[in-house]
Structures are given as structure tokens and as C-alpha cells.
mmCIF file of all heavy atoms, coordinates in Angstrom:
data_MODEL
# 
_entry.id   MODEL 
# 
loop_
_atom_site.group_PDB 
_atom_site.id 
_atom_site.type_symbol 
_atom_site.label_atom_id 
_atom_site.label_alt_id 
_atom_site.label_comp_id 
_atom_site.label_asym_id 
_atom_site.label_entity_id 
_atom_site.label_seq_id 
_atom_site.pdbx_PDB_ins_code 
_atom_site.Cartn_x 
_atom_site.Cartn_y 
_atom_site.Cartn_z 
_atom_site.occupancy 
_atom_site.B_iso_or_equiv 
_atom_site.pdbx_formal_charge 
_atom_site.auth_seq_id 
_atom_site.auth_comp_id 
_atom_site.auth_asym_id 
_atom_site.auth_atom_id 
_atom_site.pdbx_PDB_model_num 
ATOM 1   N N   . ARG A 1 1  ? 43.438 -16.470 -22.393 1.00 0.00 ? 1  ARG A N   1 
ATOM 2   C CA  . ARG A 1 1  ? 42.182 -17.034 -22.910 1.00 0.00 ? 1  ARG A CA  1 
ATOM 3   C C   . ARG A 1 1  ? 41.082 -16.062 -22.512 1.00 0.00 ? 1  ARG A C   1 
ATOM 4   O O   . ARG A 1 1  ? 40.863 -15.805 -21.338 1.00 0.00 ? 1  ARG A O   1 
ATOM 5   C CB  . ARG A 1 1  ? 41.935 -18.421 -22.332 1.00 0.00 ? 1  ARG A CB  1 
ATOM 6   C CG  . ARG A 1 1  ? 42.945 -19.440 -22.860 1.00 0.00 ? 1  ARG A CG  1 
ATOM 7   C CD  . ARG A 1 1  ? 42.637 -20.861 -22.432 1.00 0.00 ? 1  ARG A CD  1 
ATOM 8   N NE  . ARG A 1 1  ? 41.352 -21.267 -22.966 1.00 0.00 ? 1  ARG A NE  1 
ATOM 9   C CZ  . ARG A 1 1  ? 40.452 -21.961 -22.262 1.00 0.00 ? 1  ARG A CZ  1 
ATOM 10  N NH1 . ARG A 1 1  ? 40.691 -22.331 -21.026 1.00 0.00 ? 1  ARG A NH1 1 
ATOM 11  N NH2 . ARG A 1 1  ? 39.307 -22.297 -22.814 1.00 0.00 ? 1  ARG A NH2 1 
ATOM 12  N N   . PHE A 1 2  ? 40.414 -15.527 -23.514 1.00 0.00 ? 2  PHE A N   1 
ATOM 13  C CA  . PHE A 1 2  ? 39.401 -14.492 -23.337 1.00 0.00 ? 2  PHE A CA  1 
ATOM 14  C C   . PHE A 1 2  ? 38.073 -15.023 -23.858 1.00 0.00 ? 2  PHE A C   1 
ATOM 15  O O   . PHE A 1 2  ? 38.025 -15.625 -24.936 1.00 0.00 ? 2  PHE A O   1 
ATOM 16  C CB  . PHE A 1 2  ? 39.812 -13.251 -24.153 1.00 0.00 ? 2  PHE A CB  1 
ATOM 17  C CG  . PHE A 1 2  ? 38.765 -12.191 -24.225 1.00 0.00 ? 2  PHE A CG  1 
ATOM 18  C CD1 . PHE A 1 2  ? 38.765 -11.155 -23.315 1.00 0.00 ? 2  PHE A CD1 1 
ATOM 19  C CD2 . PHE A 1 2  ? 37.770 -12.235 -25.190 1.00 0.00 ? 2  PHE A CD2 1 
ATOM 20  C CE1 . PHE A 1 2  ? 37.780 -10.168 -23.379 1.00 0.00 ? 2  PHE A CE1 1 
ATOM 21  C CE2 . PHE A 1 2  ? 36.793 -11.268 -25.257 1.00 0.00 ? 2  PHE A CE2 1 
ATOM 22  C CZ  . PHE A 1 2  ? 36.801 -10.229 -24.347 1.00 0.00 ? 2  PHE A CZ  1 
ATOM 23  N N   . ALA A 1 3  ? 37.018 -14.811 -23.114 1.00 0.00 ? 3  ALA A N   1 
ATOM 24  C CA  . ALA A 1 3  ? 35.680 -15.200 -23.574 1.00 0.00 ? 3  ALA A CA  1 
ATOM 25  C C   . ALA A 1 3  ? 34.682 -14.135 -23.156 1.00 0.00 ? 3  ALA A C   1 
ATOM 26  O O   . ALA A 1 3  ? 34.772 -13.578 -22.056 1.00 0.00 ? 3  ALA A O   1 
ATOM 27  C CB  . ALA A 1 3  ? 35.285 -16.551 -22.986 1.00 0.00 ? 3  ALA A CB  1 
ATOM 28  N N   . GLN A 1 4  ? 33.737 -13.854 -24.042 1.00 0.00 ? 4  GLN A N   1 
ATOM 29  C CA  . GLN A 1 4  ? 32.656 -12.918 -23.729 1.00 0.00 ? 4  GLN A CA  1 
ATOM 30  C C   . GLN A 1 4  ? 31.347 -13.499 -24.203 1.00 0.00 ? 4  GLN A C   1 
ATOM 31  O O   . GLN A 1 4  ? 31.252 -14.021 -25.316 1.00 0.00 ? 4  GLN A O   1 
ATOM 32  C CB  . GLN A 1 4  ? 32.865 -11.551 -24.392 1.00 0.00 ? 4  GLN A CB  1 
ATOM 33  C CG  . GLN A 1 4  ? 31.716 -10.594 -24.067 1.00 0.00 ? 4  GLN A CG  1 
ATOM 34  C CD  . GLN A 1 4  ? 31.866 -9.231  -24.696 1.00 0.00 ? 4  GLN A CD  1 
ATOM 35  O OE1 . GLN A 1 4  ? 32.962 -8.732  -24.881 1.00 0.00 ? 4  GLN A OE1 1 
ATOM 36  N NE2 . GLN A 1 4  ? 30.734 -8.620  -25.015 1.00 0.00 ? 4  GLN A NE2 1 
ATOM 37  N N   . GLU A 1 5  ? 30.339 -13.380 -23.360 1.00 0.00 ? 5  GLU A N   1 
ATOM 38  C CA  . GLU A 1 5  ? 28.988 -13.751 -23.771 1.00 0.00 ? 5  GLU A CA  1 
ATOM 39  C C   . GLU A 1 5  ? 28.543 -12.818 -24.888 1.00 0.00 ? 5  GLU A C   1 
ATOM 40  O O   . GLU A 1 5  ? 28.939 -11.655 -24.931 1.00 0.00 ? 5  GLU A O   1 
ATOM 41  C CB  . GLU A 1 5  ? 28.016 -13.606 -22.595 1.00 0.00 ? 5  GLU A CB  1 
ATOM 42  C CG  . GLU A 1 5  ? 28.278 -14.537 -21.452 1.00 0.00 ? 5  GLU A CG  1 
ATOM 43  C CD  . GLU A 1 5  ? 27.380 -14.257 -20.256 1.00 0.00 ? 5  GLU A CD  1 
ATOM 44  O OE1 . GLU A 1 5  ? 26.963 -13.096 -20.063 1.00 0.00 ? 5  GLU A OE1 1 
ATOM 45  O OE2 . GLU A 1 5  ? 27.115 -15.207 -19.522 1.00 0.00 ? 5  GLU A OE2 1 
ATOM 46  N N   . ALA A 1 6  ? 27.717 -13.331 -25.774 1.00 0.00 ? 6  ALA A N   1 
ATOM 47  C CA  . ALA A 1 6  ? 27.199 -12.514 -26.875 1.00 0.00 ? 6  ALA A CA  1 
ATOM 48  C C   . ALA A 1 6  ? 25.768 -12.949 -27.191 1.00 0.00 ? 6  ALA A C   1 
ATOM 49  O O   . ALA A 1 6  ? 25.474 -13.381 -28.310 1.00 0.00 ? 6  ALA A O   1 
ATOM 50  C CB  . ALA A 1 6  ? 28.100 -12.637 -28.096 1.00 0.00 ? 6  ALA A CB  1 
ATOM 51  N N   . PRO A 1 7  ? 24.876 -12.851 -26.206 1.00 0.00 ? 7  PRO A N   1 
ATOM 52  C CA  . PRO A 1 7  ? 23.499 -13.315 -26.429 1.00 0.00 ? 7  PRO A CA  1 
ATOM 53  C C   . PRO A 1 7  ? 22.793 -12.516 -27.521 1.00 0.00 ? 7  PRO A C   1 
ATOM 54  O O   . PRO A 1 7  ? 22.852 -11.291 -27.531 1.00 0.00 ? 7  PRO A O   1 
ATOM 55  C CB  . PRO A 1 7  ? 22.830 -13.116 -25.067 1.00 0.00 ? 7  PRO A CB  1 
ATOM 56  C CG  . PRO A 1 7  ? 23.639 -12.074 -24.385 1.00 0.00 ? 7  PRO A CG  1 
ATOM 57  C CD  . PRO A 1 7  ? 25.043 -12.241 -24.899 1.00 0.00 ? 7  PRO A CD  1 
ATOM 58  N N   . GLY A 1 8  ? 22.184 -13.240 -28.442 1.00 0.00 ? 8  GLY A N   1 
ATOM 59  C CA  . GLY A 1 8  ? 21.433 -12.590 -29.515 1.00 0.00 ? 8  GLY A CA  1 
ATOM 60  C C   . GLY A 1 8  ? 22.293 -11.999 -30.618 1.00 0.00 ? 8  GLY A C   1 
ATOM 61  O O   . GLY A 1 8  ? 21.765 -11.390 -31.544 1.00 0.00 ? 8  GLY A O   1 
ATOM 62  N N   . PHE A 1 9  ? 23.607 -12.156 -30.557 1.00 0.00 ? 9  PHE A N   1 
ATOM 63  C CA  . PHE A 1 9  ? 24.482 -11.614 -31.587 1.00 0.00 ? 9  PHE A CA  1 
ATOM 64  C C   . PHE A 1 9  ? 24.429 -12.508 -32.820 1.00 0.00 ? 9  PHE A C   1 
ATOM 65  O O   . PHE A 1 9  ? 24.423 -13.725 -32.715 1.00 0.00 ? 9  PHE A O   1 
ATOM 66  C CB  . PHE A 1 9  ? 25.932 -11.555 -31.106 1.00 0.00 ? 9  PHE A CB  1 
ATOM 67  C CG  . PHE A 1 9  ? 26.260 -10.391 -30.213 1.00 0.00 ? 9  PHE A CG  1 
ATOM 68  C CD1 . PHE A 1 9  ? 25.437 -10.023 -29.164 1.00 0.00 ? 9  PHE A CD1 1 
ATOM 69  C CD2 . PHE A 1 9  ? 27.422 -9.667  -30.408 1.00 0.00 ? 9  PHE A CD2 1 
ATOM 70  C CE1 . PHE A 1 9  ? 25.748 -8.960  -28.340 1.00 0.00 ? 9  PHE A CE1 1 
ATOM 71  C CE2 . PHE A 1 9  ? 27.749 -8.603  -29.586 1.00 0.00 ? 9  PHE A CE2 1 
ATOM 72  C CZ  . PHE A 1 9  ? 26.906 -8.247  -28.551 1.00 0.00 ? 9  PHE A CZ  1 
ATOM 73  N N   . THR A 1 10 ? 24.426 -11.879 -33.991 1.00 0.00 ? 10 THR A N   1 
ATOM 74  C CA  . THR A 1 10 ? 24.531 -12.625 -35.241 1.00 0.00 ? 10 THR A CA  1 
ATOM 75  C C   . THR A 1 10 ? 25.999 -13.030 -35.428 1.00 0.00 ? 10 THR A C   1 
ATOM 76  O O   . THR A 1 10 ? 26.894 -12.522 -34.744 1.00 0.00 ? 10 THR A O   1 
ATOM 77  C CB  . THR A 1 10 ? 24.109 -11.757 -36.441 1.00 0.00 ? 10 THR A CB  1 
ATOM 78  O OG1 . THR A 1 10 ? 25.041 -10.670 -36.565 1.00 0.00 ? 10 THR A OG1 1 
ATOM 79  C CG2 . THR A 1 10 ? 22.680 -11.221 -36.275 1.00 0.00 ? 10 THR A CG2 1 
ATOM 80  N N   . ASP A 1 11 ? 26.250 -13.926 -36.384 1.00 0.00 ? 11 ASP A N   1 
ATOM 81  C CA  . ASP A 1 11 ? 27.630 -14.304 -36.681 1.00 0.00 ? 11 ASP A CA  1 
ATOM 82  C C   . ASP A 1 11 ? 28.446 -13.082 -37.097 1.00 0.00 ? 11 ASP A C   1 
ATOM 83  O O   . ASP A 1 11 ? 29.616 -12.955 -36.732 1.00 0.00 ? 11 ASP A O   1 
ATOM 84  C CB  . ASP A 1 11 ? 27.676 -15.375 -37.773 1.00 0.00 ? 11 ASP A CB  1 
ATOM 85  C CG  . ASP A 1 11 ? 27.211 -16.738 -37.269 1.00 0.00 ? 11 ASP A CG  1 
ATOM 86  O OD1 . ASP A 1 11 ? 27.130 -16.940 -36.030 1.00 0.00 ? 11 ASP A OD1 1 
ATOM 87  O OD2 . ASP A 1 11 ? 26.929 -17.605 -38.117 1.00 0.00 ? 11 ASP A OD2 1 
ATOM 88  N N   . GLU A 1 12 ? 27.842 -12.176 -37.840 1.00 0.00 ? 12 GLU A N   1 
ATOM 89  C CA  . GLU A 1 12 ? 28.533 -10.962 -38.274 1.00 0.00 ? 12 GLU A CA  1 
ATOM 90  C C   . GLU A 1 12 ? 28.876 -10.075 -37.065 1.00 0.00 ? 12 GLU A C   1 
ATOM 91  O O   . GLU A 1 12 ? 29.984 -9.524  -36.978 1.00 0.00 ? 12 GLU A O   1 
ATOM 92  C CB  . GLU A 1 12 ? 27.657 -10.188 -39.261 1.00 0.00 ? 12 GLU A CB  1 
ATOM 93  C CG  . GLU A 1 12 ? 28.316 -8.967  -39.844 1.00 0.00 ? 12 GLU A CG  1 
ATOM 94  C CD  . GLU A 1 12 ? 27.448 -8.256  -40.876 1.00 0.00 ? 12 GLU A CD  1 
ATOM 95  O OE1 . GLU A 1 12 ? 26.710 -8.940  -41.613 1.00 0.00 ? 12 GLU A OE1 1 
ATOM 96  O OE2 . GLU A 1 12 ? 27.519 -7.025  -40.926 1.00 0.00 ? 12 GLU A OE2 1 
ATOM 97  N N   . GLN A 1 13 ? 27.938 -9.953  -36.140 1.00 0.00 ? 13 GLN A N   1 
ATOM 98  C CA  . GLN A 1 13 ? 28.198 -9.154  -34.940 1.00 0.00 ? 13 GLN A CA  1 
ATOM 99  C C   . GLN A 1 13 ? 29.294 -9.802  -34.080 1.00 0.00 ? 13 GLN A C   1 
ATOM 100 O O   . GLN A 1 13 ? 30.136 -9.106  -33.530 1.00 0.00 ? 13 GLN A O   1 
ATOM 101 C CB  . GLN A 1 13 ? 26.918 -8.982  -34.120 1.00 0.00 ? 13 GLN A CB  1 
ATOM 102 C CG  . GLN A 1 13 ? 25.913 -8.061  -34.776 1.00 0.00 ? 13 GLN A CG  1 
ATOM 103 C CD  . GLN A 1 13 ? 24.568 -8.090  -34.080 1.00 0.00 ? 13 GLN A CD  1 
ATOM 104 O OE1 . GLN A 1 13 ? 24.061 -9.149  -33.691 1.00 0.00 ? 13 GLN A OE1 1 
ATOM 105 N NE2 . GLN A 1 13 ? 23.972 -6.913  -33.909 1.00 0.00 ? 13 GLN A NE2 1 
ATOM 106 N N   . LYS A 1 14 ? 29.283 -11.125 -33.997 1.00 0.00 ? 14 LYS A N   1 
ATOM 107 C CA  . LYS A 1 14 ? 30.333 -11.825 -33.239 1.00 0.00 ? 14 LYS A CA  1 
ATOM 108 C C   . LYS A 1 14 ? 31.692 -11.601 -33.897 1.00 0.00 ? 14 LYS A C   1 
ATOM 109 O O   . LYS A 1 14 ? 32.692 -11.395 -33.205 1.00 0.00 ? 14 LYS A O   1 
ATOM 110 C CB  . LYS A 1 14 ? 30.033 -13.318 -33.137 1.00 0.00 ? 14 LYS A CB  1 
ATOM 111 C CG  . LYS A 1 14 ? 28.915 -13.642 -32.163 1.00 0.00 ? 14 LYS A CG  1 
ATOM 112 C CD  . LYS A 1 14 ? 28.669 -15.137 -32.097 1.00 0.00 ? 14 LYS A CD  1 
ATOM 113 C CE  . LYS A 1 14 ? 27.527 -15.462 -31.163 1.00 0.00 ? 14 LYS A CE  1 
ATOM 114 N NZ  . LYS A 1 14 ? 27.276 -16.909 -31.091 1.00 0.00 ? 14 LYS A NZ  1 
ATOM 115 N N   . ALA A 1 15 ? 31.741 -11.621 -35.228 1.00 0.00 ? 15 ALA A N   1 
ATOM 116 C CA  . ALA A 1 15 ? 32.998 -11.371 -35.934 1.00 0.00 ? 15 ALA A CA  1 
ATOM 117 C C   . ALA A 1 15 ? 33.506 -9.956  -35.636 1.00 0.00 ? 15 ALA A C   1 
ATOM 118 O O   . ALA A 1 15 ? 34.705 -9.748  -35.424 1.00 0.00 ? 15 ALA A O   1 
ATOM 119 C CB  . ALA A 1 15 ? 32.824 -11.581 -37.436 1.00 0.00 ? 15 ALA A CB  1 
ATOM 120 N N   . GLY A 1 16 ? 32.604 -8.992  -35.587 1.00 0.00 ? 16 GLY A N   1 
ATOM 121 C CA  . GLY A 1 16 ? 32.976 -7.618  -35.248 1.00 0.00 ? 16 GLY A CA  1 
ATOM 122 C C   . GLY A 1 16 ? 33.471 -7.502  -33.815 1.00 0.00 ? 16 GLY A C   1 
ATOM 123 O O   . GLY A 1 16 ? 34.431 -6.771  -33.521 1.00 0.00 ? 16 GLY A O   1 
ATOM 124 N N   . LEU A 1 17 ? 32.828 -8.234  -32.916 1.00 0.00 ? 17 LEU A N   1 
ATOM 125 C CA  . LEU A 1 17 ? 33.230 -8.249  -31.516 1.00 0.00 ? 17 LEU A CA  1 
ATOM 126 C C   . LEU A 1 17 ? 34.641 -8.827  -31.374 1.00 0.00 ? 17 LEU A C   1 
ATOM 127 O O   . LEU A 1 17 ? 35.489 -8.267  -30.669 1.00 0.00 ? 17 LEU A O   1 
ATOM 128 C CB  . LEU A 1 17 ? 32.215 -9.061  -30.708 1.00 0.00 ? 17 LEU A CB  1 
ATOM 129 C CG  . LEU A 1 17 ? 32.286 -9.017  -29.197 1.00 0.00 ? 17 LEU A CG  1 
ATOM 130 C CD1 . LEU A 1 17 ? 32.120 -7.604  -28.661 1.00 0.00 ? 17 LEU A CD1 1 
ATOM 131 C CD2 . LEU A 1 17 ? 31.196 -9.926  -28.615 1.00 0.00 ? 17 LEU A CD2 1 
ATOM 132 N N   . ILE A 1 18 ? 34.899 -9.921  -32.070 1.00 0.00 ? 18 ILE A N   1 
ATOM 133 C CA  . ILE A 1 18 ? 36.233 -10.529 -32.040 1.00 0.00 ? 18 ILE A CA  1 
ATOM 134 C C   . ILE A 1 18 ? 37.269 -9.547  -32.585 1.00 0.00 ? 18 ILE A C   1 
ATOM 135 O O   . ILE A 1 18 ? 38.329 -9.345  -31.974 1.00 0.00 ? 18 ILE A O   1 
ATOM 136 C CB  . ILE A 1 18 ? 36.257 -11.859 -32.831 1.00 0.00 ? 18 ILE A CB  1 
ATOM 137 C CG1 . ILE A 1 18 ? 35.462 -12.928 -32.068 1.00 0.00 ? 18 ILE A CG1 1 
ATOM 138 C CG2 . ILE A 1 18 ? 37.691 -12.312 -33.084 1.00 0.00 ? 18 ILE A CG2 1 
ATOM 139 C CD1 . ILE A 1 18 ? 35.209 -14.200 -32.863 1.00 0.00 ? 18 ILE A CD1 1 
ATOM 140 N N   . ALA A 1 19 ? 36.977 -8.914  -33.714 1.00 0.00 ? 19 ALA A N   1 
ATOM 141 C CA  . ALA A 1 19 ? 37.923 -7.964  -34.304 1.00 0.00 ? 19 ALA A CA  1 
ATOM 142 C C   . ALA A 1 19 ? 38.207 -6.812  -33.332 1.00 0.00 ? 19 ALA A C   1 
ATOM 143 O O   . ALA A 1 19 ? 39.355 -6.387  -33.187 1.00 0.00 ? 19 ALA A O   1 
ATOM 144 C CB  . ALA A 1 19 ? 37.389 -7.433  -35.628 1.00 0.00 ? 19 ALA A CB  1 
ATOM 145 N N   . GLY A 1 20 ? 37.173 -6.329  -32.681 1.00 0.00 ? 20 GLY A N   1 
ATOM 146 C CA  . GLY A 1 20 ? 37.355 -5.252  -31.709 1.00 0.00 ? 20 GLY A CA  1 
ATOM 147 C C   . GLY A 1 20 ? 38.255 -5.663  -30.562 1.00 0.00 ? 20 GLY A C   1 
ATOM 148 O O   . GLY A 1 20 ? 39.231 -4.967  -30.228 1.00 0.00 ? 20 GLY A O   1 
ATOM 149 N N   . TRP A 1 21 ? 37.945 -6.798  -29.954 1.00 0.00 ? 21 TRP A N   1 
ATOM 150 C CA  . TRP A 1 21 ? 38.755 -7.272  -28.832 1.00 0.00 ? 21 TRP A CA  1 
ATOM 151 C C   . TRP A 1 21 ? 40.179 -7.614  -29.263 1.00 0.00 ? 21 TRP A C   1 
ATOM 152 O O   . TRP A 1 21 ? 41.125 -7.414  -28.501 1.00 0.00 ? 21 TRP A O   1 
ATOM 153 C CB  . TRP A 1 21 ? 38.098 -8.461  -28.135 1.00 0.00 ? 21 TRP A CB  1 
ATOM 154 C CG  . TRP A 1 21 ? 37.052 -8.034  -27.142 1.00 0.00 ? 21 TRP A CG  1 
ATOM 155 C CD1 . TRP A 1 21 ? 35.706 -8.197  -27.241 1.00 0.00 ? 21 TRP A CD1 1 
ATOM 156 C CD2 . TRP A 1 21 ? 37.276 -7.388  -25.884 1.00 0.00 ? 21 TRP A CD2 1 
ATOM 157 N NE1 . TRP A 1 21 ? 35.081 -7.687  -26.128 1.00 0.00 ? 21 TRP A NE1 1 
ATOM 158 C CE2 . TRP A 1 21 ? 36.019 -7.183  -25.281 1.00 0.00 ? 21 TRP A CE2 1 
ATOM 159 C CE3 . TRP A 1 21 ? 38.413 -6.954  -25.208 1.00 0.00 ? 21 TRP A CE3 1 
ATOM 160 C CZ2 . TRP A 1 21 ? 35.867 -6.564  -24.032 1.00 0.00 ? 21 TRP A CZ2 1 
ATOM 161 C CZ3 . TRP A 1 21 ? 38.264 -6.337  -23.973 1.00 0.00 ? 21 TRP A CZ3 1 
ATOM 162 C CH2 . TRP A 1 21 ? 37.006 -6.150  -23.409 1.00 0.00 ? 21 TRP A CH2 1 
ATOM 163 N N   . GLU A 1 22 ? 40.351 -8.122  -30.478 1.00 0.00 ? 22 GLU A N   1 
ATOM 164 C CA  . GLU A 1 22 ? 41.710 -8.402  -30.969 1.00 0.00 ? 22 GLU A CA  1 
ATOM 165 C C   . GLU A 1 22 ? 42.530 -7.110  -30.972 1.00 0.00 ? 22 GLU A C   1 
ATOM 166 O O   . GLU A 1 22 ? 43.697 -7.094  -30.569 1.00 0.00 ? 22 GLU A O   1 
ATOM 167 C CB  . GLU A 1 22 ? 41.681 -9.019  -32.371 1.00 0.00 ? 22 GLU A CB  1 
ATOM 168 C CG  . GLU A 1 22 ? 41.189 -10.442 -32.414 1.00 0.00 ? 22 GLU A CG  1 
ATOM 169 C CD  . GLU A 1 22 ? 42.242 -11.475 -32.055 1.00 0.00 ? 22 GLU A CD  1 
ATOM 170 O OE1 . GLU A 1 22 ? 43.369 -11.112 -31.686 1.00 0.00 ? 22 GLU A OE1 1 
ATOM 171 O OE2 . GLU A 1 22 ? 41.923 -12.674 -32.143 1.00 0.00 ? 22 GLU A OE2 1 
ATOM 172 N N   . GLY A 1 23 ? 41.927 -6.014  -31.419 1.00 0.00 ? 23 GLY A N   1 
ATOM 173 C CA  . GLY A 1 23 ? 42.611 -4.722  -31.408 1.00 0.00 ? 23 GLY A CA  1 
ATOM 174 C C   . GLY A 1 23 ? 42.913 -4.250  -29.994 1.00 0.00 ? 23 GLY A C   1 
ATOM 175 O O   . GLY A 1 23 ? 43.989 -3.702  -29.727 1.00 0.00 ? 23 GLY A O   1 
ATOM 176 N N   . PHE A 1 24 ? 41.977 -4.452  -29.085 1.00 0.00 ? 24 PHE A N   1 
ATOM 177 C CA  . PHE A 1 24 ? 42.191 -4.081  -27.684 1.00 0.00 ? 24 PHE A CA  1 
ATOM 178 C C   . PHE A 1 24 ? 43.382 -4.868  -27.134 1.00 0.00 ? 24 PHE A C   1 
ATOM 179 O O   . PHE A 1 24 ? 44.253 -4.327  -26.463 1.00 0.00 ? 24 PHE A O   1 
ATOM 180 C CB  . PHE A 1 24 ? 40.973 -4.410  -26.830 1.00 0.00 ? 24 PHE A CB  1 
ATOM 181 C CG  . PHE A 1 24 ? 39.717 -3.624  -27.107 1.00 0.00 ? 24 PHE A CG  1 
ATOM 182 C CD1 . PHE A 1 24 ? 39.574 -2.791  -28.201 1.00 0.00 ? 24 PHE A CD1 1 
ATOM 183 C CD2 . PHE A 1 24 ? 38.646 -3.747  -26.255 1.00 0.00 ? 24 PHE A CD2 1 
ATOM 184 C CE1 . PHE A 1 24 ? 38.397 -2.095  -28.438 1.00 0.00 ? 24 PHE A CE1 1 
ATOM 185 C CE2 . PHE A 1 24 ? 37.460 -3.057  -26.468 1.00 0.00 ? 24 PHE A CE2 1 
ATOM 186 C CZ  . PHE A 1 24 ? 37.335 -2.225  -27.562 1.00 0.00 ? 24 PHE A CZ  1 
ATOM 187 N N   . ILE A 1 25 ? 43.397 -6.183  -27.400 1.00 0.00 ? 25 ILE A N   1 
ATOM 188 C CA  . ILE A 1 25 ? 44.445 -7.053  -26.872 1.00 0.00 ? 25 ILE A CA  1 
ATOM 189 C C   . ILE A 1 25 ? 45.800 -6.716  -27.498 1.00 0.00 ? 25 ILE A C   1 
ATOM 190 O O   . ILE A 1 25 ? 46.831 -6.804  -26.826 1.00 0.00 ? 25 ILE A O   1 
ATOM 191 C CB  . ILE A 1 25 ? 44.058 -8.537  -27.025 1.00 0.00 ? 25 ILE A CB  1 
ATOM 192 C CG1 . ILE A 1 25 ? 42.823 -8.844  -26.142 1.00 0.00 ? 25 ILE A CG1 1 
ATOM 193 C CG2 . ILE A 1 25 ? 45.222 -9.458  -26.657 1.00 0.00 ? 25 ILE A CG2 1 
ATOM 194 C CD1 . ILE A 1 25 ? 42.185 -10.201 -26.390 1.00 0.00 ? 25 ILE A CD1 1 
ATOM 195 N N   . ASP A 1 26 ? 45.799 -6.282  -28.759 1.00 0.00 ? 26 ASP A N   1 
ATOM 196 C CA  . ASP A 1 26 ? 47.052 -5.819  -29.377 1.00 0.00 ? 26 ASP A CA  1 
ATOM 197 C C   . ASP A 1 26 ? 47.655 -4.677  -28.547 1.00 0.00 ? 26 ASP A C   1 
ATOM 198 O O   . ASP A 1 26 ? 48.851 -4.665  -28.265 1.00 0.00 ? 26 ASP A O   1 
ATOM 199 C CB  . ASP A 1 26 ? 46.819 -5.312  -30.803 1.00 0.00 ? 26 ASP A CB  1 
ATOM 200 C CG  . ASP A 1 26 ? 46.553 -6.412  -31.808 1.00 0.00 ? 26 ASP A CG  1 
ATOM 201 O OD1 . ASP A 1 26 ? 46.792 -7.599  -31.506 1.00 0.00 ? 26 ASP A OD1 1 
ATOM 202 O OD2 . ASP A 1 26 ? 46.086 -6.067  -32.922 1.00 0.00 ? 26 ASP A OD2 1 
ATOM 203 N N   . GLU A 1 27 ? 46.821 -3.713  -28.168 1.00 0.00 ? 27 GLU A N   1 
ATOM 204 C CA  . GLU A 1 27 ? 47.286 -2.573  -27.381 1.00 0.00 ? 27 GLU A CA  1 
ATOM 205 C C   . GLU A 1 27 ? 47.690 -3.006  -25.977 1.00 0.00 ? 27 GLU A C   1 
ATOM 206 O O   . GLU A 1 27 ? 48.687 -2.543  -25.431 1.00 0.00 ? 27 GLU A O   1 
ATOM 207 C CB  . GLU A 1 27 ? 46.216 -1.475  -27.321 1.00 0.00 ? 27 GLU A CB  1 
ATOM 208 C CG  . GLU A 1 27 ? 45.945 -0.826  -28.659 1.00 0.00 ? 27 GLU A CG  1 
ATOM 209 C CD  . GLU A 1 27 ? 47.196 -0.267  -29.310 1.00 0.00 ? 27 GLU A CD  1 
ATOM 210 O OE1 . GLU A 1 27 ? 47.895 0.559   -28.670 1.00 0.00 ? 27 GLU A OE1 1 
ATOM 211 O OE2 . GLU A 1 27 ? 47.504 -0.650  -30.451 1.00 0.00 ? 27 GLU A OE2 1 
# 
């Protein structure tokens, strides 16, 4: 279970953050 704060992030930025971390977690 992974969580990161994202203050001031738009929904689009949060989606990008999730996609990035998903790739990190894949590796």
C-alpha cells in the first residue's frame, strides 16, 4: 500500500504521478 501527498496537484498531475509510481513499482 503506497501513498504520496500531492498538495496543489491537479487531477491530471495526480494521474501522471500514479502512472510514474506504477512504473517504478513494476521495476
